[in-house]
C-alpha atoms as a PDB file:
ATOM      1  CA  UNK A   1      33.679 -44.286 -98.907  1.00  0.00           C
ATOM      2  CA  UNK A   2      36.438 -44.621 -96.371  1.00  0.00           C
ATOM      3  CA  UNK A   3      37.792 -41.932 -94.124  1.00  0.00           C
ATOM      4  CA  UNK A   4      41.496 -41.336 -94.540  1.00  0.00           C
ATOM      5  CA  UNK A   5      43.693 -38.861 -92.776  1.00  0.00           C
ATOM      6  CA  UNK A   6      46.056 -36.793 -94.865  1.00  0.00           C
ATOM      7  CA  UNK A   7      48.913 -34.909 -93.257  1.00  0.00           C
ATOM      8  CA  UNK A   8      49.642 -31.578 -94.900  1.00  0.00           C
ATOM      9  CA  UNK A   9      53.116 -30.187 -94.188  1.00  0.00           C
ATOM     10  CA  UNK A  10      52.912 -26.828 -92.405  1.00  0.00           C
ATOM     11  CA  UNK A  11      54.783 -25.089 -95.217  1.00  0.00           C
ATOM     12  CA  UNK A  12      52.081 -26.173 -97.713  1.00  0.00           C
ATOM     13  CA  UNK A  13      48.992 -25.099 -95.751  1.00  0.00           C
ATOM     14  CA  UNK A  14      48.943 -21.536 -97.127  1.00  0.00           C
ATOM     15  CA  UNK A  15      49.254 -22.848-100.686  1.00  0.00           C
ATOM     16  CA  UNK A  16      46.294 -25.158-100.143  1.00  0.00           C
ATOM     17  CA  UNK A  17      44.252 -22.364 -98.532  1.00  0.00           C
ATOM     18  CA  UNK A  18      45.103 -20.095-101.493  1.00  0.00           C
ATOM     19  CA  UNK A  19      43.735 -22.748-103.868  1.00  0.00           C
ATOM     20  CA  UNK A  20      40.540 -23.066-101.805  1.00  0.00           C
ATOM     21  CA  UNK A  21      40.107 -19.290-101.747  1.00  0.00           C
ATOM     22  CA  UNK A  22      40.657 -19.099-105.521  1.00  0.00           C
ATOM     23  CA  UNK A  23      37.947 -21.723-106.048  1.00  0.00           C
ATOM     24  CA  UNK A  24      35.555 -19.795-103.778  1.00  0.00           C
ATOM     25  CA  UNK A  25      36.167 -16.644-105.857  1.00  0.00           C
ATOM     26  CA  UNK A  26      35.534 -18.654-109.027  1.00  0.00           C
ATOM     27  CA  UNK A  27      32.186 -19.840-107.618  1.00  0.00           C
ATOM     28  CA  UNK A  28      31.388 -16.270-106.543  1.00  0.00           C
ATOM     29  CA  UNK A  29      31.756 -14.955-110.089  1.00  0.00           C
ATOM     30  CA  UNK A  30      28.767 -17.026-111.273  1.00  0.00           C
ATOM     31  CA  UNK A  31      26.854 -17.559-108.017  1.00  0.00           C
ATOM     32  CA  UNK A  32      24.016 -15.123-108.744  1.00  0.00           C
ATOM     33  CA  UNK A  33      23.816 -16.040-112.429  1.00  0.00           C
ATOM     34  CA  UNK A  34      23.429 -19.685-111.402  1.00  0.00           C
ATOM     35  CA  UNK A  35      20.505 -18.744-109.175  1.00  0.00           C
ATOM     36  CA  UNK A  36      22.508 -19.303-105.980  1.00  0.00           C
ATOM     37  CA  UNK A  37      22.392 -23.000-106.805  1.00  0.00           C
ATOM     38  CA  UNK A  38      22.341 -25.840-104.329  1.00  0.00           C
ATOM     39  CA  UNK A  39      25.429 -27.285-106.050  1.00  0.00           C
ATOM     40  CA  UNK A  40      27.347 -24.054-105.462  1.00  0.00           C
ATOM     41  CA  UNK A  41      26.234 -24.022-101.820  1.00  0.00           C
ATOM     42  CA  UNK A  42      27.386 -27.629-101.433  1.00  0.00           C
ATOM     43  CA  UNK A  43      30.783 -26.832-102.980  1.00  0.00           C
ATOM     44  CA  UNK A  44      31.215 -23.782-100.723  1.00  0.00           C
ATOM     45  CA  UNK A  45      30.358 -25.834 -97.629  1.00  0.00           C
ATOM     46  CA  UNK A  46      32.757 -28.609 -98.645  1.00  0.00           C
ATOM     47  CA  UNK A  47      35.618 -26.198 -99.261  1.00  0.00           C
ATOM     48  CA  UNK A  48      35.018 -24.523 -95.904  1.00  0.00           C
ATOM     49  CA  UNK A  49      35.112 -27.959 -94.206  1.00  0.00           C
ATOM     50  CA  UNK A  50      38.503 -28.686 -95.757  1.00  0.00           C
ATOM     51  CA  UNK A  51      39.786 -25.279 -94.624  1.00  0.00           C
ATOM     52  CA  UNK A  52      38.438 -25.923 -91.111  1.00  0.00           C
ATOM     53  CA  UNK A  53      40.539 -29.084 -90.930  1.00  0.00           C
ATOM     54  CA  UNK A  54      43.530 -26.838 -91.609  1.00  0.00           C
ATOM     55  CA  UNK A  55      42.529 -24.462 -88.798  1.00  0.00           C
ATOM     56  CA  UNK A  56      41.053 -21.732 -90.996  1.00  0.00           C
ATOM     57  CA  UNK A  57      37.579 -20.622 -92.006  1.00  0.00           C
ATOM     58  CA  UNK A  58      36.446 -18.231 -94.699  1.00  0.00           C
ATOM     59  CA  UNK A  59      33.953 -15.472 -93.981  1.00  0.00           C
ATOM     60  CA  UNK A  60      32.082 -15.093 -97.269  1.00  0.00           C
ATOM     61  CA  UNK A  61      29.942 -12.060 -98.051  1.00  0.00           C
ATOM     62  CA  UNK A  62      27.985 -11.418-101.233  1.00  0.00           C
ATOM     63  CA  UNK A  63      29.191  -8.466-103.286  1.00  0.00           C
ATOM     64  CA  UNK A  64      28.588  -6.656-106.553  1.00  0.00           C
ATOM     65  CA  UNK A  65      32.346  -6.789-107.156  1.00  0.00           C
ATOM     66  CA  UNK A  66      33.580  -8.791-110.181  1.00  0.00           C
ATOM     67  CA  UNK A  67      34.767 -11.570-107.841  1.00  0.00           C
ATOM     68  CA  UNK A  68      31.202 -11.941-106.581  1.00  0.00           C
ATOM     69  CA  UNK A  69      32.253 -12.593-102.995  1.00  0.00           C
ATOM     70  CA  UNK A  70      34.237 -10.710-100.388  1.00  0.00           C
ATOM     71  CA  UNK A  71      36.282 -13.416 -98.683  1.00  0.00           C
ATOM     72  CA  UNK A  72      38.167 -13.040 -95.415  1.00  0.00           C
ATOM     73  CA  UNK A  73      40.243 -15.744 -93.732  1.00  0.00           C
ATOM     74  CA  UNK A  74      39.514 -16.191 -90.051  1.00  0.00           C
ATOM     75  CA  UNK A  75      40.702 -18.738 -87.489  1.00  0.00           C
ATOM     76  CA  UNK A  76      38.394 -21.751 -87.330  1.00  0.00           C
ATOM     77  CA  UNK A  77      36.566 -22.145 -84.038  1.00  0.00           C
ATOM     78  CA  UNK A  78      34.524 -25.234 -83.243  1.00  0.00           C
ATOM     79  CA  UNK A  79      30.795 -24.732 -82.742  1.00  0.00           C
ATOM     80  CA  UNK A  80      29.650 -24.900 -79.164  1.00  0.00           C
END
């Protein structure tokens, strides 16, 4: 696998983040039923990594709501 850099125009970042957030909600709807699967955890981590490259992170909390997760966008900060 090669590493390639993709430039996302500033006007498209919110659209991409919306798509990531939608996918996280989709995972959240079945997360408990799937036994909090390793595959779901891997997908969540991967989506958060993509968002971090766009300067955003998602705070994800478990919920009994139909969406399964409560998701909040927060600015990405690098780990110290």
